[in-house]
Amino acid sequence: MRLVGRSRSINESNVKAYLLTGSAGAGSLLLEFTTLSRLTGDPRFEDAAAEAFFAIWNRRSELGLIGNGIDLVSGVRTPRGL
């Protein structure tokens, strides 16, 4: 498997790093994309960001905590350093 990333290629040895993301990203996207939707009058940006935010929110732990990292394929909470 060989995919092209922005500045370097992705291969089997480093693909795991690209499939994990921090959970804070969805909150940031919600703020930025909501602003973009309001400025352009196009609700698609806000709708997509809200969907990402609630996908993470709905995966919080039994204690109501949001995980530090998210596996982008499975949606499972992960330690960010994996």
PDB file of N, CA and C in Angstrom:
ATOM      1  N   MET A   1       0.848  -1.182   0.000  1.00  0.00           N
ATOM      2  CA  MET A   1       0.000   0.000   0.000  1.00  0.00           C
ATOM      3  C   MET A   1       0.886   1.234   0.000  1.00  0.00           C
ATOM      4  N   ARG A   2       0.612   2.154  -0.876  1.00  0.00           N
ATOM      5  CA  ARG A   2       1.382   3.393  -0.929  1.00  0.00           C
ATOM      6  C   ARG A   2       0.428   4.548  -1.234  1.00  0.00           C
ATOM      7  N   LEU A   3       0.295   5.439  -0.294  1.00  0.00           N
ATOM      8  CA  LEU A   3      -0.546   6.622  -0.453  1.00  0.00           C
ATOM      9  C   LEU A   3       0.359   7.848  -0.438  1.00  0.00           C
ATOM     10  N   VAL A   4      -0.107   8.918  -0.997  1.00  0.00           N
ATOM     11  CA  VAL A   4       0.698  10.137  -0.999  1.00  0.00           C
ATOM     12  C   VAL A   4       0.137  11.104   0.020  1.00  0.00           C
ATOM     13  N   GLY A   5       0.977  11.543   0.951  1.00  0.00           N
ATOM     14  CA  GLY A   5       0.606  12.552   1.935  1.00  0.00           C
ATOM     15  C   GLY A   5       0.975  13.934   1.413  1.00  0.00           C
ATOM     16  N   ARG A   6       0.758  14.955   2.228  1.00  0.00           N
ATOM     17  CA  ARG A   6       1.060  16.321   1.797  1.00  0.00           C
ATOM     18  C   ARG A   6       2.544  16.520   1.551  1.00  0.00           C
ATOM     19  N   SER A   7       3.370  16.091   2.479  1.00  0.00           N
ATOM     20  CA  SER A   7       4.791  16.359   2.309  1.00  0.00           C
ATOM     21  C   SER A   7       5.640  15.103   2.265  1.00  0.00           C
ATOM     22  N   ARG A   8       5.040  13.962   2.508  1.00  0.00           N
ATOM     23  CA  ARG A   8       5.790  12.706   2.441  1.00  0.00           C
ATOM     24  C   ARG A   8       4.803  11.572   2.176  1.00  0.00           C
ATOM     25  N   SER A   9       5.329  10.451   1.742  1.00  0.00           N
ATOM     26  CA  SER A   9       4.447   9.337   1.420  1.00  0.00           C
ATOM     27  C   SER A   9       4.058   8.572   2.684  1.00  0.00           C
ATOM     28  N   ILE A  10       2.936   7.894   2.588  1.00  0.00           N
ATOM     29  CA  ILE A  10       2.425   7.068   3.674  1.00  0.00           C
ATOM     30  C   ILE A  10       2.596   5.625   3.246  1.00  0.00           C
ATOM     31  N   ASN A  11       3.164   4.786   4.103  1.00  0.00           N
ATOM     32  CA  ASN A  11       3.333   3.376   3.791  1.00  0.00           C
ATOM     33  C   ASN A  11       2.953   2.537   5.002  1.00  0.00           C
ATOM     34  N   GLU A  12       3.103   1.221   4.912  1.00  0.00           N
ATOM     35  CA  GLU A  12       2.683   0.345   6.005  1.00  0.00           C
ATOM     36  C   GLU A  12       3.371   0.665   7.323  1.00  0.00           C
ATOM     37  N   SER A  13       4.600   1.147   7.276  1.00  0.00           N
ATOM     38  CA  SER A  13       5.335   1.380   8.513  1.00  0.00           C
ATOM     39  C   SER A  13       4.881   2.640   9.247  1.00  0.00           C
ATOM     40  N   ASN A  14       4.295   3.604   8.561  1.00  0.00           N
ATOM     41  CA  ASN A  14       3.890   4.820   9.252  1.00  0.00           C
ATOM     42  C   ASN A  14       2.402   5.156   9.110  1.00  0.00           C
ATOM     43  N   VAL A  15       1.619   4.274   8.543  1.00  0.00           N
ATOM     44  CA  VAL A  15       0.202   4.561   8.316  1.00  0.00           C
ATOM     45  C   VAL A  15      -0.558   4.732   9.628  1.00  0.00           C
ATOM     46  N   LYS A  16      -0.173   4.018  10.695  1.00  0.00           N
ATOM     47  CA  LYS A  16      -0.880   4.126  11.975  1.00  0.00           C
ATOM     48  C   LYS A  16      -0.874   5.567  12.494  1.00  0.00           C
ATOM     49  N   ALA A  17       0.234   6.265  12.305  1.00  0.00           N
ATOM     50  CA  ALA A  17       0.316   7.655  12.761  1.00  0.00           C
ATOM     51  C   ALA A  17      -0.681   8.549  12.038  1.00  0.00           C
ATOM     52  N   TYR A  18      -1.022   8.236  10.801  1.00  0.00           N
ATOM     53  CA  TYR A  18      -1.956   9.041  10.043  1.00  0.00           C
ATOM     54  C   TYR A  18      -3.411   8.678  10.352  1.00  0.00           C
ATOM     55  N   LEU A  19      -3.633   7.536  10.973  1.00  0.00           N
ATOM     56  CA  LEU A  19      -4.993   7.100  11.271  1.00  0.00           C
ATOM     57  C   LEU A  19      -5.439   7.482  12.673  1.00  0.00           C
ATOM     58  N   LEU A  20      -4.572   8.127  13.448  1.00  0.00           N
ATOM     59  CA  LEU A  20      -4.920   8.611  14.771  1.00  0.00           C
ATOM     60  C   LEU A  20      -4.985  10.128  14.732  1.00  0.00           C
ATOM     61  N   THR A  21      -5.938  10.681  15.441  1.00  0.00           N
ATOM     62  CA  THR A  21      -6.036  12.131  15.511  1.00  0.00           C
ATOM     63  C   THR A  21      -6.428  12.531  16.920  1.00  0.00           C
ATOM     64  N   GLY A  22      -6.132  13.739  17.276  1.00  0.00           N
ATOM     65  CA  GLY A  22      -6.521  14.251  18.583  1.00  0.00           C
ATOM     66  C   GLY A  22      -7.990  14.618  18.585  1.00  0.00           C
ATOM     67  N   SER A  23      -8.642  14.410  19.699  1.00  0.00           N
ATOM     68  CA  SER A  23     -10.073  14.689  19.781  1.00  0.00           C
ATOM     69  C   SER A  23     -10.373  16.189  19.760  1.00  0.00           C
ATOM     70  N   ALA A  24      -9.414  17.025  20.091  1.00  0.00           N
ATOM     71  CA  ALA A  24      -9.636  18.477  20.092  1.00  0.00           C
ATOM     72  C   ALA A  24      -9.890  19.016  18.691  1.00  0.00           C
ATOM     73  N   GLY A  25      -9.455  18.277  17.687  1.00  0.00           N
ATOM     74  CA  GLY A  25      -9.632  18.741  16.312  1.00  0.00           C
ATOM     75  C   GLY A  25     -11.081  18.967  15.929  1.00  0.00           C
ATOM     76  N   ALA A  26     -11.975  18.142  16.407  1.00  0.00           N
ATOM     77  CA  ALA A  26     -13.394  18.279  16.051  1.00  0.00           C
ATOM     78  C   ALA A  26     -13.982  19.554  16.642  1.00  0.00           C
ATOM     79  N   GLY A  27     -13.566  19.902  17.849  1.00  0.00           N
ATOM     80  CA  GLY A  27     -14.043  21.143  18.458  1.00  0.00           C
ATOM     81  C   GLY A  27     -13.542  22.360  17.702  1.00  0.00           C
ATOM     82  N   SER A  28     -12.298  22.311  17.295  1.00  0.00           N
ATOM     83  CA  SER A  28     -11.713  23.407  16.521  1.00  0.00           C
ATOM     84  C   SER A  28     -12.411  23.538  15.170  1.00  0.00           C
ATOM     85  N   LEU A  29     -12.654  22.389  14.515  1.00  0.00           N
ATOM     86  CA  LEU A  29     -13.352  22.427  13.224  1.00  0.00           C
ATOM     87  C   LEU A  29     -14.750  23.012  13.361  1.00  0.00           C
ATOM     88  N   LEU A  30     -15.423  22.684  14.457  1.00  0.00           N
ATOM     89  CA  LEU A  30     -16.776  23.193  14.656  1.00  0.00           C
ATOM     90  C   LEU A  30     -16.769  24.716  14.706  1.00  0.00           C
ATOM     91  N   LEU A  31     -15.843  25.283  15.449  1.00  0.00           N
ATOM     92  CA  LEU A  31     -15.745  26.738  15.538  1.00  0.00           C
ATOM     93  C   LEU A  31     -15.407  27.363  14.184  1.00  0.00           C
ATOM     94  N   GLU A  32     -14.392  26.839  13.526  1.00  0.00           N
ATOM     95  CA  GLU A  32     -13.938  27.415  12.257  1.00  0.00           C
ATOM     96  C   GLU A  32     -14.958  27.226  11.137  1.00  0.00           C
ATOM     97  N   PHE A  33     -15.512  26.026  11.034  1.00  0.00           N
ATOM     98  CA  PHE A  33     -16.435  25.760   9.930  1.00  0.00           C
ATOM     99  C   PHE A  33     -17.802  26.405  10.150  1.00  0.00           C
ATOM    100  N   THR A  34     -18.201  26.586  11.411  1.00  0.00           N
ATOM    101  CA  THR A  34     -19.443  27.323  11.680  1.00  0.00           C
ATOM    102  C   THR A  34     -19.275  28.768  11.219  1.00  0.00           C
ATOM    103  N   THR A  35     -18.124  29.343  11.526  1.00  0.00           N
ATOM    104  CA  THR A  35     -17.850  30.712  11.075  1.00  0.00           C
ATOM    105  C   THR A  35     -17.873  30.785   9.544  1.00  0.00           C
ATOM    106  N   LEU A  36     -17.240  29.797   8.887  1.00  0.00           N
ATOM    107  CA  LEU A  36     -17.237  29.767   7.428  1.00  0.00           C
ATOM    108  C   LEU A  36     -18.658  29.666   6.875  1.00  0.00           C
ATOM    109  N   SER A  37     -19.478  28.837   7.479  1.00  0.00           N
ATOM    110  CA  SER A  37     -20.868  28.702   7.024  1.00  0.00           C
ATOM    111  C   SER A  37     -21.629  30.009   7.180  1.00  0.00           C
ATOM    112  N   ARG A  38     -21.424  30.672   8.305  1.00  0.00           N
ATOM    113  CA  ARG A  38     -22.143  31.927   8.538  1.00  0.00           C
ATOM    114  C   ARG A  38     -21.688  33.017   7.570  1.00  0.00           C
ATOM    115  N   LEU A  39     -20.388  33.038   7.255  1.00  0.00           N
ATOM    116  CA  LEU A  39     -19.862  34.051   6.343  1.00  0.00           C
ATOM    117  C   LEU A  39     -20.285  33.799   4.892  1.00  0.00           C
ATOM    118  N   THR A  40     -20.380  32.523   4.504  1.00  0.00           N
ATOM    119  CA  THR A  40     -20.708  32.198   3.117  1.00  0.00           C
ATOM    120  C   THR A  40     -22.198  31.942   2.899  1.00  0.00           C
ATOM    121  N   GLY A  41     -22.925  31.694   3.984  1.00  0.00           N
ATOM    122  CA  GLY A  41     -24.331  31.351   3.845  1.00  0.00           C
ATOM    123  C   GLY A  41     -24.554  29.910   3.409  1.00  0.00           C
ATOM    124  N   ASP A  42     -23.489  29.104   3.433  1.00  0.00           N
ATOM    125  CA  ASP A  42     -23.563  27.701   3.021  1.00  0.00           C
ATOM    126  C   ASP A  42     -23.496  26.812   4.270  1.00  0.00           C
ATOM    127  N   PRO A  43     -24.588  26.163   4.657  1.00  0.00           N
ATOM    128  CA  PRO A  43     -24.618  25.393   5.903  1.00  0.00           C
ATOM    129  C   PRO A  43     -23.850  24.074   5.859  1.00  0.00           C
ATOM    130  N   ARG A  44     -23.358  23.656   4.690  1.00  0.00           N
ATOM    131  CA  ARG A  44     -22.679  22.355   4.589  1.00  0.00           C
ATOM    132  C   ARG A  44     -21.444  22.269   5.486  1.00  0.00           C
ATOM    133  N   PHE A  45     -20.700  23.365   5.615  1.00  0.00           N
ATOM    134  CA  PHE A  45     -19.484  23.354   6.427  1.00  0.00           C
ATOM    135  C   PHE A  45     -19.815  23.115   7.899  1.00  0.00           C
ATOM    136  N   GLU A  46     -20.783  23.855   8.404  1.00  0.00           N
ATOM    137  CA  GLU A  46     -21.199  23.702   9.805  1.00  0.00           C
ATOM    138  C   GLU A  46     -21.789  22.316  10.042  1.00  0.00           C
ATOM    139  N   ASP A  47     -22.568  21.819   9.114  1.00  0.00           N
ATOM    140  CA  ASP A  47     -23.183  20.494   9.271  1.00  0.00           C
ATOM    141  C   ASP A  47     -22.123  19.399   9.356  1.00  0.00           C
ATOM    142  N   ALA A  48     -21.112  19.465   8.497  1.00  0.00           N
ATOM    143  CA  ALA A  48     -20.050  18.449   8.505  1.00  0.00           C
ATOM    144  C   ALA A  48     -19.238  18.518   9.798  1.00  0.00           C
ATOM    145  N   ALA A  49     -18.918  19.721  10.259  1.00  0.00           N
ATOM    146  CA  ALA A  49     -18.149  19.879  11.496  1.00  0.00           C
ATOM    147  C   ALA A  49     -18.959  19.413  12.698  1.00  0.00           C
ATOM    148  N   ALA A  50     -20.250  19.709  12.716  1.00  0.00           N
ATOM    149  CA  ALA A  50     -21.098  19.256  13.822  1.00  0.00           C
ATOM    150  C   ALA A  50     -21.182  17.733  13.845  1.00  0.00           C
ATOM    151  N   GLU A  51     -21.238  17.118  12.688  1.00  0.00           N
ATOM    152  CA  GLU A  51     -21.265  15.654  12.614  1.00  0.00           C
ATOM    153  C   GLU A  51     -19.977  15.058  13.196  1.00  0.00           C
ATOM    154  N   ALA A  52     -18.830  15.657  12.872  1.00  0.00           N
ATOM    155  CA  ALA A  52     -17.549  15.187  13.417  1.00  0.00           C
ATOM    156  C   ALA A  52     -17.501  15.385  14.924  1.00  0.00           C
ATOM    157  N   PHE A  53     -17.951  16.538  15.401  1.00  0.00           N
ATOM    158  CA  PHE A  53     -17.954  16.818  16.834  1.00  0.00           C
ATOM    159  C   PHE A  53     -18.807  15.797  17.591  1.00  0.00           C
ATOM    160  N   PHE A  54     -20.020  15.566  17.113  1.00  0.00           N
ATOM    161  CA  PHE A  54     -20.917  14.654  17.828  1.00  0.00           C
ATOM    162  C   PHE A  54     -20.488  13.196  17.685  1.00  0.00           C
ATOM    163  N   ALA A  55     -19.777  12.857  16.624  1.00  0.00           N
ATOM    164  CA  ALA A  55     -19.230  11.502  16.516  1.00  0.00           C
ATOM    165  C   ALA A  55     -18.243  11.245  17.646  1.00  0.00           C
ATOM    166  N   ILE A  56     -17.444  12.239  17.988  1.00  0.00           N
ATOM    167  CA  ILE A  56     -16.507  12.104  19.109  1.00  0.00           C
ATOM    168  C   ILE A  56     -17.249  12.212  20.435  1.00  0.00           C
ATOM    169  N   TRP A  57     -18.149  13.153  20.558  1.00  0.00           N
ATOM    170  CA  TRP A  57     -18.905  13.346  21.796  1.00  0.00           C
ATOM    171  C   TRP A  57     -19.669  12.071  22.184  1.00  0.00           C
ATOM    172  N   ASN A  58     -20.240  11.393  21.219  1.00  0.00           N
ATOM    173  CA  ASN A  58     -21.007  10.181  21.494  1.00  0.00           C
ATOM    174  C   ASN A  58     -20.130   8.987  21.866  1.00  0.00           C
ATOM    175  N   ARG A  59     -18.821   9.129  21.735  1.00  0.00           N
ATOM    176  CA  ARG A  59     -17.892   8.058  22.105  1.00  0.00           C
ATOM    177  C   ARG A  59     -17.206   8.325  23.446  1.00  0.00           C
ATOM    178  N   ARG A  60     -17.721   9.261  24.236  1.00  0.00           N
ATOM    179  CA  ARG A  60     -17.083   9.542  25.525  1.00  0.00           C
ATOM    180  C   ARG A  60     -17.253   8.362  26.473  1.00  0.00           C
ATOM    181  N   SER A  61     -16.394   8.324  27.474  1.00  0.00           N
ATOM    182  CA  SER A  61     -16.364   7.189  28.403  1.00  0.00           C
ATOM    183  C   SER A  61     -17.578   7.198  29.331  1.00  0.00           C
ATOM    184  N   GLU A  62     -17.667   6.144  30.142  1.00  0.00           N
ATOM    185  CA  GLU A  62     -18.758   6.033  31.113  1.00  0.00           C
ATOM    186  C   GLU A  62     -18.713   7.182  32.120  1.00  0.00           C
ATOM    187  N   LEU A  63     -17.533   7.783  32.307  1.00  0.00           N
ATOM    188  CA  LEU A  63     -17.374   8.920  33.216  1.00  0.00           C
ATOM    189  C   LEU A  63     -17.682  10.248  32.538  1.00  0.00           C
ATOM    190  N   GLY A  64     -18.007  10.199  31.264  1.00  0.00           N
ATOM    191  CA  GLY A  64     -18.307  11.408  30.514  1.00  0.00           C
ATOM    192  C   GLY A  64     -17.076  12.101  29.956  1.00  0.00           C
ATOM    193  N   LEU A  65     -15.941  11.397  29.949  1.00  0.00           N
ATOM    194  CA  LEU A  65     -14.699  11.988  29.462  1.00  0.00           C
ATOM    195  C   LEU A  65     -14.481  11.661  27.992  1.00  0.00           C
ATOM    196  N   ILE A  66     -13.895  12.613  27.289  1.00  0.00           N
ATOM    197  CA  ILE A  66     -13.557  12.406  25.885  1.00  0.00           C
ATOM    198  C   ILE A  66     -12.118  11.939  25.822  1.00  0.00           C
ATOM    199  N   GLY A  67     -11.847  10.922  25.029  1.00  0.00           N
ATOM    200  CA  GLY A  67     -10.495  10.393  24.908  1.00  0.00           C
ATOM    201  C   GLY A  67      -9.530  11.387  24.295  1.00  0.00           C
ATOM    202  N   ASN A  68      -8.256  11.176  24.552  1.00  0.00           N
ATOM    203  CA  ASN A  68      -7.211  12.051  24.033  1.00  0.00           C
ATOM    204  C   ASN A  68      -7.015  11.867  22.533  1.00  0.00           C
ATOM    205  N   GLY A  69      -7.209  10.658  22.048  1.00  0.00           N
ATOM    206  CA  GLY A  69      -7.023  10.368  20.636  1.00  0.00           C
ATOM    207  C   GLY A  69      -8.149   9.514  20.107  1.00  0.00           C
ATOM    208  N   ILE A  70      -8.316   9.539  18.794  1.00  0.00           N
ATOM    209  CA  ILE A  70      -9.371   8.773  18.132  1.00  0.00           C
ATOM    210  C   ILE A  70      -8.755   8.052  16.941  1.00  0.00           C
ATOM    211  N   ASP A  71      -9.051   6.766  16.820  1.00  0.00           N
ATOM    212  CA  ASP A  71      -8.667   6.018  15.628  1.00  0.00           C
ATOM    213  C   ASP A  71      -9.676   6.384  14.540  1.00  0.00           C
ATOM    214  N   LEU A  72      -9.212   6.932  13.423  1.00  0.00           N
ATOM    215  CA  LEU A  72     -10.103   7.438  12.381  1.00  0.00           C
ATOM    216  C   LEU A  72     -10.878   6.361  11.652  1.00  0.00           C
ATOM    217  N   VAL A  73     -10.390   5.134  11.685  1.00  0.00           N
ATOM    218  CA  VAL A  73     -11.075   4.042  10.997  1.00  0.00           C
ATOM    219  C   VAL A  73     -12.150   3.439  11.885  1.00  0.00           C
ATOM    220  N   SER A  74     -11.788   3.096  13.121  1.00  0.00           N
ATOM    221  CA  SER A  74     -12.730   2.403  14.011  1.00  0.00           C
ATOM    222  C   SER A  74     -13.535   3.328  14.898  1.00  0.00           C
ATOM    223  N   GLY A  75     -13.039   4.545  15.150  1.00  0.00           N
ATOM    224  CA  GLY A  75     -13.708   5.456  16.062  1.00  0.00           C
ATOM    225  C   GLY A  75     -13.421   5.171  17.520  1.00  0.00           C
ATOM    226  N   VAL A  76     -12.513   4.248  17.799  1.00  0.00           N
ATOM    227  CA  VAL A  76     -12.190   3.859  19.176  1.00  0.00           C
ATOM    228  C   VAL A  76     -11.258   4.903  19.790  1.00  0.00           C
ATOM    229  N   ARG A  77     -11.490   5.218  21.086  1.00  0.00           N
ATOM    230  CA  ARG A  77     -10.590   6.112  21.814  1.00  0.00           C
ATOM    231  C   ARG A  77      -9.253   5.429  21.986  1.00  0.00           C
ATOM    232  N   THR A  78      -8.168   6.159  21.783  1.00  0.00           N
ATOM    233  CA  THR A  78      -6.835   5.596  21.899  1.00  0.00           C
ATOM    234  C   THR A  78      -5.926   6.561  22.639  1.00  0.00           C
ATOM    235  N   PRO A  79      -4.873   6.028  23.275  1.00  0.00           N
ATOM    236  CA  PRO A  79      -3.847   6.940  23.787  1.00  0.00           C
ATOM    237  C   PRO A  79      -3.179   7.608  22.602  1.00  0.00           C
ATOM    238  N   ARG A  80      -2.974   8.896  22.654  1.00  0.00           N
ATOM    239  CA  ARG A  80      -2.468   9.656  21.501  1.00  0.00           C
ATOM    240  C   ARG A  80      -1.098   9.170  21.046  1.00  0.00           C
ATOM    241  N   GLY A  81      -0.286   8.660  21.924  1.00  0.00           N
ATOM    242  CA  GLY A  81       1.070   8.293  21.561  1.00  0.00           C
ATOM    243  C   GLY A  81       1.228   7.028  20.754  1.00  0.00           C
ATOM    244  N   LEU A  82       0.154   6.287  20.502  1.00  0.00           N
ATOM    245  CA  LEU A  82       0.274   5.026  19.754  1.00  0.00           C
ATOM    246  C   LEU A  82       0.640   5.261  18.320  1.00  0.00           C
TER     247      LEU A  82
END
